[in-house]
Amino acid sequence: MELVVGVLLVWALLAVVVAVVVGRGIRLADERSAVPASMSISDLAAGFAPDPSAVRR
């Protein structure tokens, strides 16, 4: 029984470590991106038009 609890604790600890590493990676990528967080549609260029293949009918 102790072995099962120990294995579960190891897996839980491993899951927390992986979550922290992935979260930090996402945060770093966000900080390195040059896109401002408050960008809206009005910030796009006036001549912007979506690719015609992307338009649904």
PDB file of N, CA and C in Angstrom:
ATOM      1  N   MET A   1       0.824  -1.199   0.000  1.00  0.00           N
ATOM      2  CA  MET A   1       0.000   0.000   0.000  1.00  0.00           C
ATOM      3  C   MET A   1       0.868   1.264   0.000  1.00  0.00           C
ATOM      4  N   GLU A   2       1.952   1.227   0.768  1.00  0.00           N
ATOM      5  CA  GLU A   2       2.823   2.403   0.827  1.00  0.00           C
ATOM      6  C   GLU A   2       3.473   2.671  -0.523  1.00  0.00           C
ATOM      7  N   LEU A   3       3.733   1.600  -1.245  1.00  0.00           N
ATOM      8  CA  LEU A   3       4.349   1.749  -2.563  1.00  0.00           C
ATOM      9  C   LEU A   3       3.409   2.480  -3.518  1.00  0.00           C
ATOM     10  N   VAL A   4       2.126   2.158  -3.457  1.00  0.00           N
ATOM     11  CA  VAL A   4       1.146   2.807  -4.339  1.00  0.00           C
ATOM     12  C   VAL A   4       1.055   4.298  -4.020  1.00  0.00           C
ATOM     13  N   VAL A   5       1.009   4.633  -2.742  1.00  0.00           N
ATOM     14  CA  VAL A   5       0.937   6.035  -2.335  1.00  0.00           C
ATOM     15  C   VAL A   5       2.215   6.762  -2.749  1.00  0.00           C
ATOM     16  N   GLY A   6       3.355   6.118  -2.601  1.00  0.00           N
ATOM     17  CA  GLY A   6       4.620   6.727  -2.996  1.00  0.00           C
ATOM     18  C   GLY A   6       4.691   6.990  -4.486  1.00  0.00           C
ATOM     19  N   VAL A   7       4.233   6.026  -5.274  1.00  0.00           N
ATOM     20  CA  VAL A   7       4.233   6.196  -6.732  1.00  0.00           C
ATOM     21  C   VAL A   7       3.288   7.322  -7.132  1.00  0.00           C
ATOM     22  N   LEU A   8       2.126   7.391  -6.497  1.00  0.00           N
ATOM     23  CA  LEU A   8       1.181   8.475  -6.803  1.00  0.00           C
ATOM     24  C   LEU A   8       1.773   9.837  -6.456  1.00  0.00           C
ATOM     25  N   LEU A   9       2.486   9.912  -5.338  1.00  0.00           N
ATOM     26  CA  LEU A   9       3.117  11.183  -4.964  1.00  0.00           C
ATOM     27  C   LEU A   9       4.206  11.574  -5.953  1.00  0.00           C
ATOM     28  N   VAL A  10       4.970  10.604  -6.431  1.00  0.00           N
ATOM     29  CA  VAL A  10       6.004  10.898  -7.420  1.00  0.00           C
ATOM     30  C   VAL A  10       5.376  11.396  -8.707  1.00  0.00           C
ATOM     31  N   TRP A  11       4.311  10.760  -9.165  1.00  0.00           N
ATOM     32  CA  TRP A  11       3.636  11.204 -10.395  1.00  0.00           C
ATOM     33  C   TRP A  11       3.039  12.601 -10.230  1.00  0.00           C
ATOM     34  N   ALA A  12       2.452  12.869  -9.055  1.00  0.00           N
ATOM     35  CA  ALA A  12       1.888  14.203  -8.812  1.00  0.00           C
ATOM     36  C   ALA A  12       2.989  15.259  -8.811  1.00  0.00           C
ATOM     37  N   LEU A  13       4.117  14.951  -8.185  1.00  0.00           N
ATOM     38  CA  LEU A  13       5.238  15.894  -8.174  1.00  0.00           C
ATOM     39  C   LEU A  13       5.768  16.120  -9.577  1.00  0.00           C
ATOM     40  N   LEU A  14       5.886  15.062 -10.350  1.00  0.00           N
ATOM     41  CA  LEU A  14       6.340  15.185 -11.734  1.00  0.00           C
ATOM     42  C   LEU A  14       5.371  16.040 -12.561  1.00  0.00           C
ATOM     43  N   ALA A  15       4.067  15.854 -12.354  1.00  0.00           N
ATOM     44  CA  ALA A  15       3.071  16.644 -13.088  1.00  0.00           C
ATOM     45  C   ALA A  15       3.181  18.126 -12.729  1.00  0.00           C
ATOM     46  N   VAL A  16       3.417  18.439 -11.467  1.00  0.00           N
ATOM     47  CA  VAL A  16       3.563  19.837 -11.051  1.00  0.00           C
ATOM     48  C   VAL A  16       4.806  20.449 -11.678  1.00  0.00           C
ATOM     49  N   VAL A  17       5.903  19.712 -11.694  1.00  0.00           N
ATOM     50  CA  VAL A  17       7.143  20.224 -12.286  1.00  0.00           C
ATOM     51  C   VAL A  17       6.962  20.485 -13.775  1.00  0.00           C
ATOM     52  N   VAL A  18       6.315  19.548 -14.476  1.00  0.00           N
ATOM     53  CA  VAL A  18       6.076  19.738 -15.915  1.00  0.00           C
ATOM     54  C   VAL A  18       5.173  20.949 -16.141  1.00  0.00           C
ATOM     55  N   ALA A  19       4.135  21.113 -15.328  1.00  0.00           N
ATOM     56  CA  ALA A  19       3.229  22.257 -15.478  1.00  0.00           C
ATOM     57  C   ALA A  19       3.969  23.577 -15.261  1.00  0.00           C
ATOM     58  N   VAL A  20       4.861  23.616 -14.285  1.00  0.00           N
ATOM     59  CA  VAL A  20       5.615  24.845 -14.022  1.00  0.00           C
ATOM     60  C   VAL A  20       6.550  25.155 -15.192  1.00  0.00           C
ATOM     61  N   VAL A  21       7.220  24.137 -15.712  1.00  0.00           N
ATOM     62  CA  VAL A  21       8.144  24.358 -16.825  1.00  0.00           C
ATOM     63  C   VAL A  21       7.387  24.837 -18.067  1.00  0.00           C
ATOM     64  N   VAL A  22       6.267  24.212 -18.369  1.00  0.00           N
ATOM     65  CA  VAL A  22       5.484  24.629 -19.534  1.00  0.00           C
ATOM     66  C   VAL A  22       4.939  26.038 -19.330  1.00  0.00           C
ATOM     67  N   GLY A  23       4.460  26.333 -18.137  1.00  0.00           N
ATOM     68  CA  GLY A  23       3.938  27.672 -17.846  1.00  0.00           C
ATOM     69  C   GLY A  23       4.996  28.744 -17.986  1.00  0.00           C
ATOM     70  N   ARG A  24       6.199  28.467 -17.506  1.00  0.00           N
ATOM     71  CA  ARG A  24       7.288  29.450 -17.641  1.00  0.00           C
ATOM     72  C   ARG A  24       7.675  29.630 -19.104  1.00  0.00           C
ATOM     73  N   GLY A  25       7.654  28.548 -19.861  1.00  0.00           N
ATOM     74  CA  GLY A  25       7.965  28.645 -21.290  1.00  0.00           C
ATOM     75  C   GLY A  25       6.956  29.512 -22.023  1.00  0.00           C
ATOM     76  N   ILE A  26       5.697  29.334 -21.688  1.00  0.00           N
ATOM     77  CA  ILE A  26       4.655  30.152 -22.318  1.00  0.00           C
ATOM     78  C   ILE A  26       4.819  31.609 -21.921  1.00  0.00           C
ATOM     79  N   ARG A  27       5.111  31.867 -20.656  1.00  0.00           N
ATOM     80  CA  ARG A  27       5.294  33.248 -20.200  1.00  0.00           C
ATOM     81  C   ARG A  27       6.488  33.902 -20.883  1.00  0.00           C
ATOM     82  N   LEU A  28       7.585  33.166 -21.023  1.00  0.00           N
ATOM     83  CA  LEU A  28       8.754  33.706 -21.711  1.00  0.00           C
ATOM     84  C   LEU A  28       8.445  34.016 -23.172  1.00  0.00           C
ATOM     85  N   ALA A  29       7.725  33.119 -23.830  1.00  0.00           N
ATOM     86  CA  ALA A  29       7.367  33.351 -25.231  1.00  0.00           C
ATOM     87  C   ALA A  29       6.467  34.573 -25.358  1.00  0.00           C
ATOM     88  N   ASP A  30       5.553  34.752 -24.403  1.00  0.00           N
ATOM     89  CA  ASP A  30       4.682  35.926 -24.421  1.00  0.00           C
ATOM     90  C   ASP A  30       5.488  37.211 -24.261  1.00  0.00           C
ATOM     91  N   GLU A  31       6.452  37.195 -23.359  1.00  0.00           N
ATOM     92  CA  GLU A  31       7.249  38.402 -23.127  1.00  0.00           C
ATOM     93  C   GLU A  31       8.135  38.731 -24.322  1.00  0.00           C
ATOM     94  N   ARG A  32       8.591  37.715 -25.033  1.00  0.00           N
ATOM     95  CA  ARG A  32       9.473  37.941 -26.180  1.00  0.00           C
ATOM     96  C   ARG A  32       8.718  38.358 -27.432  1.00  0.00           C
ATOM     97  N   SER A  33       7.412  38.081 -27.484  1.00  0.00           N
ATOM     98  CA  SER A  33       6.658  38.457 -28.682  1.00  0.00           C
ATOM     99  C   SER A  33       6.487  39.974 -28.710  1.00  0.00           C
ATOM    100  N   ALA A  34       6.480  40.528 -29.902  1.00  0.00           N
ATOM    101  CA  ALA A  34       6.421  41.982 -30.047  1.00  0.00           C
ATOM    102  C   ALA A  34       4.986  42.500 -30.149  1.00  0.00           C
ATOM    103  N   VAL A  35       4.004  41.617 -30.088  1.00  0.00           N
ATOM    104  CA  VAL A  35       2.609  42.033 -30.231  1.00  0.00           C
ATOM    105  C   VAL A  35       2.120  42.565 -28.882  1.00  0.00           C
ATOM    106  N   PRO A  36       1.607  43.795 -28.872  1.00  0.00           N
ATOM    107  CA  PRO A  36       1.086  44.320 -27.609  1.00  0.00           C
ATOM    108  C   PRO A  36      -0.155  43.554 -27.172  1.00  0.00           C
ATOM    109  N   ALA A  37      -0.360  43.446 -25.868  1.00  0.00           N
ATOM    110  CA  ALA A  37      -1.477  42.673 -25.335  1.00  0.00           C
ATOM    111  C   ALA A  37      -2.818  43.331 -25.641  1.00  0.00           C
ATOM    112  N   SER A  38      -2.843  44.627 -25.871  1.00  0.00           N
ATOM    113  CA  SER A  38      -4.105  45.329 -26.075  1.00  0.00           C
ATOM    114  C   SER A  38      -4.385  45.595 -27.555  1.00  0.00           C
ATOM    115  N   MET A  39      -3.847  44.774 -28.440  1.00  0.00           N
ATOM    116  CA  MET A  39      -4.063  44.973 -29.871  1.00  0.00           C
ATOM    117  C   MET A  39      -5.512  44.628 -30.234  1.00  0.00           C
ATOM    118  N   SER A  40      -6.108  45.462 -31.076  1.00  0.00           N
ATOM    119  CA  SER A  40      -7.482  45.218 -31.500  1.00  0.00           C
ATOM    120  C   SER A  40      -7.564  45.273 -33.019  1.00  0.00           C
ATOM    121  N   ILE A  41      -8.748  45.042 -33.557  1.00  0.00           N
ATOM    122  CA  ILE A  41      -8.952  45.043 -35.005  1.00  0.00           C
ATOM    123  C   ILE A  41      -8.648  46.419 -35.592  1.00  0.00           C
ATOM    124  N   SER A  42      -8.938  47.476 -34.852  1.00  0.00           N
ATOM    125  CA  SER A  42      -8.699  48.819 -35.374  1.00  0.00           C
ATOM    126  C   SER A  42      -7.204  49.127 -35.519  1.00  0.00           C
ATOM    127  N   ASP A  43      -6.346  48.313 -34.894  1.00  0.00           N
ATOM    128  CA  ASP A  43      -4.907  48.510 -35.014  1.00  0.00           C
ATOM    129  C   ASP A  43      -4.349  47.936 -36.315  1.00  0.00           C
ATOM    130  N   LEU A  44      -5.133  47.156 -37.035  1.00  0.00           N
ATOM    131  CA  LEU A  44      -4.676  46.559 -38.283  1.00  0.00           C
ATOM    132  C   LEU A  44      -4.570  47.620 -39.374  1.00  0.00           C
ATOM    133  N   ALA A  45      -3.792  47.321 -40.395  1.00  0.00           N
ATOM    134  CA  ALA A  45      -3.641  48.255 -41.511  1.00  0.00           C
ATOM    135  C   ALA A  45      -4.986  48.441 -42.223  1.00  0.00           C
ATOM    136  N   ALA A  46      -5.172  49.607 -42.815  1.00  0.00           N
ATOM    137  CA  ALA A  46      -6.444  49.927 -43.458  1.00  0.00           C
ATOM    138  C   ALA A  46      -6.718  49.003 -44.639  1.00  0.00           C
ATOM    139  N   GLY A  47      -5.698  48.566 -45.330  1.00  0.00           N
ATOM    140  CA  GLY A  47      -5.901  47.720 -46.501  1.00  0.00           C
ATOM    141  C   GLY A  47      -5.903  46.238 -46.192  1.00  0.00           C
ATOM    142  N   PHE A  48      -5.967  45.885 -44.937  1.00  0.00           N
ATOM    143  CA  PHE A  48      -5.929  44.471 -44.582  1.00  0.00           C
ATOM    144  C   PHE A  48      -7.188  43.762 -45.052  1.00  0.00           C
ATOM    145  N   ALA A  49      -7.003  42.634 -45.696  1.00  0.00           N
ATOM    146  CA  ALA A  49      -8.131  41.797 -46.107  1.00  0.00           C
ATOM    147  C   ALA A  49      -7.716  40.342 -45.924  1.00  0.00           C
ATOM    148  N   PRO A  50      -8.600  39.507 -45.418  1.00  0.00           N
ATOM    149  CA  PRO A  50      -8.231  38.105 -45.227  1.00  0.00           C
ATOM    150  C   PRO A  50      -8.023  37.406 -46.564  1.00  0.00           C
ATOM    151  N   ASP A  51      -7.253  36.349 -46.533  1.00  0.00           N
ATOM    152  CA  ASP A  51      -7.015  35.536 -47.721  1.00  0.00           C
ATOM    153  C   ASP A  51      -8.367  34.993 -48.213  1.00  0.00           C
ATOM    154  N   PRO A  52      -8.664  35.101 -49.528  1.00  0.00           N
ATOM    155  CA  PRO A  52      -9.973  34.638 -50.015  1.00  0.00           C
ATOM    156  C   PRO A  52     -10.252  33.172 -49.721  1.00  0.00           C
ATOM    157  N   SER A  53      -9.221  32.356 -49.598  1.00  0.00           N
ATOM    158  CA  SER A  53      -9.453  30.944 -49.306  1.00  0.00           C
ATOM    159  C   SER A  53      -9.895  30.757 -47.860  1.00  0.00           C
ATOM    160  N   ALA A  54      -9.690  31.746 -47.006  1.00  0.00           N
ATOM    161  CA  ALA A  54     -10.064  31.634 -45.607  1.00  0.00           C
ATOM    162  C   ALA A  54     -11.501  32.110 -45.356  1.00  0.00           C
ATOM    163  N   VAL A  55     -12.139  32.689 -46.342  1.00  0.00           N
ATOM    164  CA  VAL A  55     -13.491  33.231 -46.172  1.00  0.00           C
ATOM    165  C   VAL A  55     -14.491  32.097 -46.343  1.00  0.00           C
ATOM    166  N   ARG A  56     -15.375  31.933 -45.360  1.00  0.00           N
ATOM    167  CA  ARG A  56     -16.403  30.887 -45.434  1.00  0.00           C
ATOM    168  C   ARG A  56     -17.622  31.396 -46.161  1.00  0.00           C
ATOM    169  N   ARG A  57     -18.302  30.506 -46.833  1.00  0.00           N
ATOM    170  CA  ARG A  57     -19.534  30.889 -47.531  1.00  0.00           C
ATOM    171  C   ARG A  57     -20.697  30.098 -47.034  1.00  0.00           C
TER     172      ARG A  57
END
